[in-house]
């Protein structure tokens, strides 16, 4: 009979020890791997963290990616923290959908022909913030 660890690693694509180890199995819409464990789906990054540390993740804690790659299961790229820690990490790394702009800035973004990446750098907000403005998901009332 195949061990749980062996079954897990059948879905892991490893390059080097410092590279992301990519989950090749089932993923959710955000790109996070899902692993079936005793008829229950668990996050593959969470399982990898528990497997590597031989510890259960404390209740209320999340497993964060230092590499910002949701399909990565390399335990060297994973750390635990609170939801608040994760939110702060997202803002620091410009991955948050939270963006603070003025109406004047939004008008400039809407009329600009610059790339999303360039606008993101210019206004110091995430690319998702710029995309949401351009696709009229946010700031709909501004022309």
Protein backbone atom coordinates (compact mmCIF):
# COMPACT_ATOMS: atom_id res chain seq x y z
CA UNK A 1 0.00 0.00 0.00
CA UNK A 2 1.28 3.48 -0.91
CA UNK A 3 2.00 5.85 1.97
CA UNK A 4 0.29 9.22 2.26
CA UNK A 5 3.66 10.93 1.80
CA UNK A 6 4.39 8.95 -1.38
CA UNK A 7 0.91 9.73 -2.74
CA UNK A 8 1.43 13.43 -1.93
CA UNK A 9 4.84 13.61 -3.63
CA UNK A 10 3.46 12.00 -6.80
CA UNK A 11 1.87 15.43 -7.40
CA UNK A 12 4.96 17.51 -6.60
CA UNK A 13 7.30 18.73 -9.35
CA UNK A 14 10.67 19.51 -7.76
CA UNK A 15 13.49 21.39 -9.40
CA UNK A 16 16.15 22.49 -6.93
CA UNK A 17 15.90 22.63 -3.12
CA UNK A 18 15.58 26.43 -3.20
CA UNK A 19 13.11 26.55 -6.10
CA UNK A 20 9.35 26.37 -5.86
CA UNK A 21 8.05 22.82 -5.73
CA UNK A 22 4.94 22.99 -7.88
CA UNK A 23 1.72 21.15 -7.13
CA UNK A 24 0.56 19.31 -10.27
CA UNK A 25 -2.66 17.90 -8.80
CA UNK A 26 -6.05 19.51 -8.34
CA UNK A 27 -6.02 23.28 -7.72
CA UNK A 28 -8.70 25.75 -6.71
CA UNK A 29 -9.54 28.83 -8.78
CA UNK A 30 -6.81 30.82 -6.99
CA UNK A 31 -4.13 28.26 -7.90
CA UNK A 32 -3.79 26.65 -4.44
CA UNK A 33 -3.25 22.92 -4.55
CA UNK A 34 -5.80 20.56 -3.02
CA UNK A 35 -4.85 17.16 -1.64
CA UNK A 36 -7.34 14.45 -0.66
CA UNK A 37 -6.61 13.27 2.85
CA UNK A 38 -8.99 10.78 4.47
CA UNK A 39 -11.87 11.78 2.14
CA UNK A 40 -11.31 15.47 2.88
CA UNK A 41 -9.62 18.05 0.67
CA UNK A 42 -6.83 19.99 2.36
CA UNK A 43 -4.50 22.67 1.06
CA UNK A 44 -1.42 20.99 -0.39
CA UNK A 45 0.79 23.76 1.04
CA UNK A 46 -0.73 23.19 4.49
CA UNK A 47 -0.12 19.45 4.25
CA UNK A 48 3.45 20.05 3.09
CA UNK A 49 4.11 22.37 6.04
CA UNK A 50 2.73 19.84 8.54
CA UNK A 51 4.67 17.01 6.89
CA UNK A 52 7.96 18.95 7.00
CA UNK A 53 7.59 20.24 10.56
CA UNK A 54 5.81 17.19 11.96
CA UNK A 55 3.40 19.59 13.70
CA UNK A 56 -0.26 20.40 13.29
CA UNK A 57 -1.02 23.97 12.25
CA UNK A 58 -2.52 25.73 15.27
CA UNK A 59 -6.17 26.67 15.03
CA UNK A 60 -6.71 30.10 13.50
CA UNK A 61 -3.32 30.13 11.77
CA UNK A 62 -2.64 30.19 8.04
CA UNK A 63 0.29 28.94 5.98
CA UNK A 64 1.86 31.81 4.06
CA UNK A 65 4.03 31.61 0.95
CA UNK A 66 7.30 33.55 1.12
CA UNK A 67 7.51 33.04 -2.67
CA UNK A 68 3.95 34.26 -3.35
CA UNK A 69 3.32 31.21 -5.53
CA UNK A 70 0.02 29.59 -4.46
CA UNK A 71 0.90 26.23 -6.05
CA UNK A 72 4.27 26.00 -4.29
CA UNK A 73 4.61 23.30 -1.62
CA UNK A 74 8.32 23.70 -0.83
CA UNK A 75 8.39 23.81 2.99
CA UNK A 76 11.33 26.23 2.84
CA UNK A 77 8.97 28.72 1.20
CA UNK A 78 6.20 28.29 3.78
CA UNK A 79 5.65 29.86 7.16
CA UNK A 80 2.70 30.12 9.51
CA UNK A 81 1.05 33.29 10.65
CA UNK A 82 -2.28 34.85 11.53
CA UNK A 83 -4.82 36.15 9.01
CA UNK A 84 -3.61 39.61 9.98
CA UNK A 85 0.03 38.65 9.27
CA UNK A 86 -1.04 37.38 5.86
CA UNK A 87 -2.99 40.56 5.07
CA UNK A 88 -0.01 42.73 6.07
CA UNK A 89 2.30 40.55 3.95
CA UNK A 90 -0.01 40.97 0.95
CA UNK A 91 -0.04 44.75 1.29
CA UNK A 92 3.76 44.90 1.73
CA UNK A 93 4.24 42.82 -1.40
CA UNK A 94 1.68 44.79 -3.40
CA UNK A 95 -0.61 41.76 -3.84
CA UNK A 96 -3.60 43.24 -2.08
CA UNK A 97 -6.75 44.39 -3.85
CA UNK A 98 -6.83 47.26 -1.38
CA UNK A 99 -5.84 50.49 -3.08
CA UNK A 100 -6.12 54.08 -2.01
CA UNK A 101 -6.49 56.48 -4.91
CA UNK A 102 -8.07 59.84 -5.54
CA UNK A 103 -10.70 60.47 -8.22
CA UNK A 104 -8.10 62.43 -10.18
CA UNK A 105 -5.73 59.42 -10.12
CA UNK A 106 -8.53 57.06 -11.21
CA UNK A 107 -9.37 59.34 -14.16
CA UNK A 108 -5.71 59.32 -15.15
CA UNK A 109 -5.59 55.51 -14.94
CA UNK A 110 -8.78 55.13 -17.00
CA UNK A 111 -7.48 57.43 -19.76
CA UNK A 112 -3.93 56.04 -19.82
CA UNK A 113 -2.54 53.77 -22.53
CA UNK A 114 0.28 52.55 -20.27
CA UNK A 115 0.43 48.86 -19.35
CA UNK A 116 -1.19 47.62 -16.16
CA UNK A 117 2.27 46.88 -14.79
CA UNK A 118 3.54 50.38 -15.54
CA UNK A 119 0.43 52.00 -14.05
CA UNK A 120 0.79 49.81 -10.97
CA UNK A 121 4.35 51.01 -10.43
CA UNK A 122 3.49 54.61 -11.19
CA UNK A 123 0.59 54.80 -8.72
CA UNK A 124 2.15 52.36 -6.20
CA UNK A 125 -0.86 50.04 -6.15
CA UNK A 126 -1.30 46.40 -7.13
CA UNK A 127 -1.83 45.26 -10.69
CA UNK A 128 -5.18 43.82 -9.62
CA UNK A 129 -6.24 47.30 -8.44
CA UNK A 130 -5.41 48.75 -11.87
CA UNK A 131 -7.16 45.87 -13.67
CA UNK A 132 -10.28 46.32 -11.56
CA UNK A 133 -10.38 50.01 -12.48
CA UNK A 134 -9.76 49.35 -16.19
CA UNK A 135 -12.42 46.61 -16.33
CA UNK A 136 -14.88 48.83 -14.42
CA UNK A 137 -15.17 46.47 -11.45
CA UNK A 138 -14.34 49.38 -9.17
CA UNK A 139 -14.68 53.15 -9.47
CA UNK A 140 -17.61 52.66 -11.87
CA UNK A 141 -18.94 56.13 -11.12
CA UNK A 142 -15.82 57.85 -12.49
CA UNK A 143 -15.59 58.43 -16.25
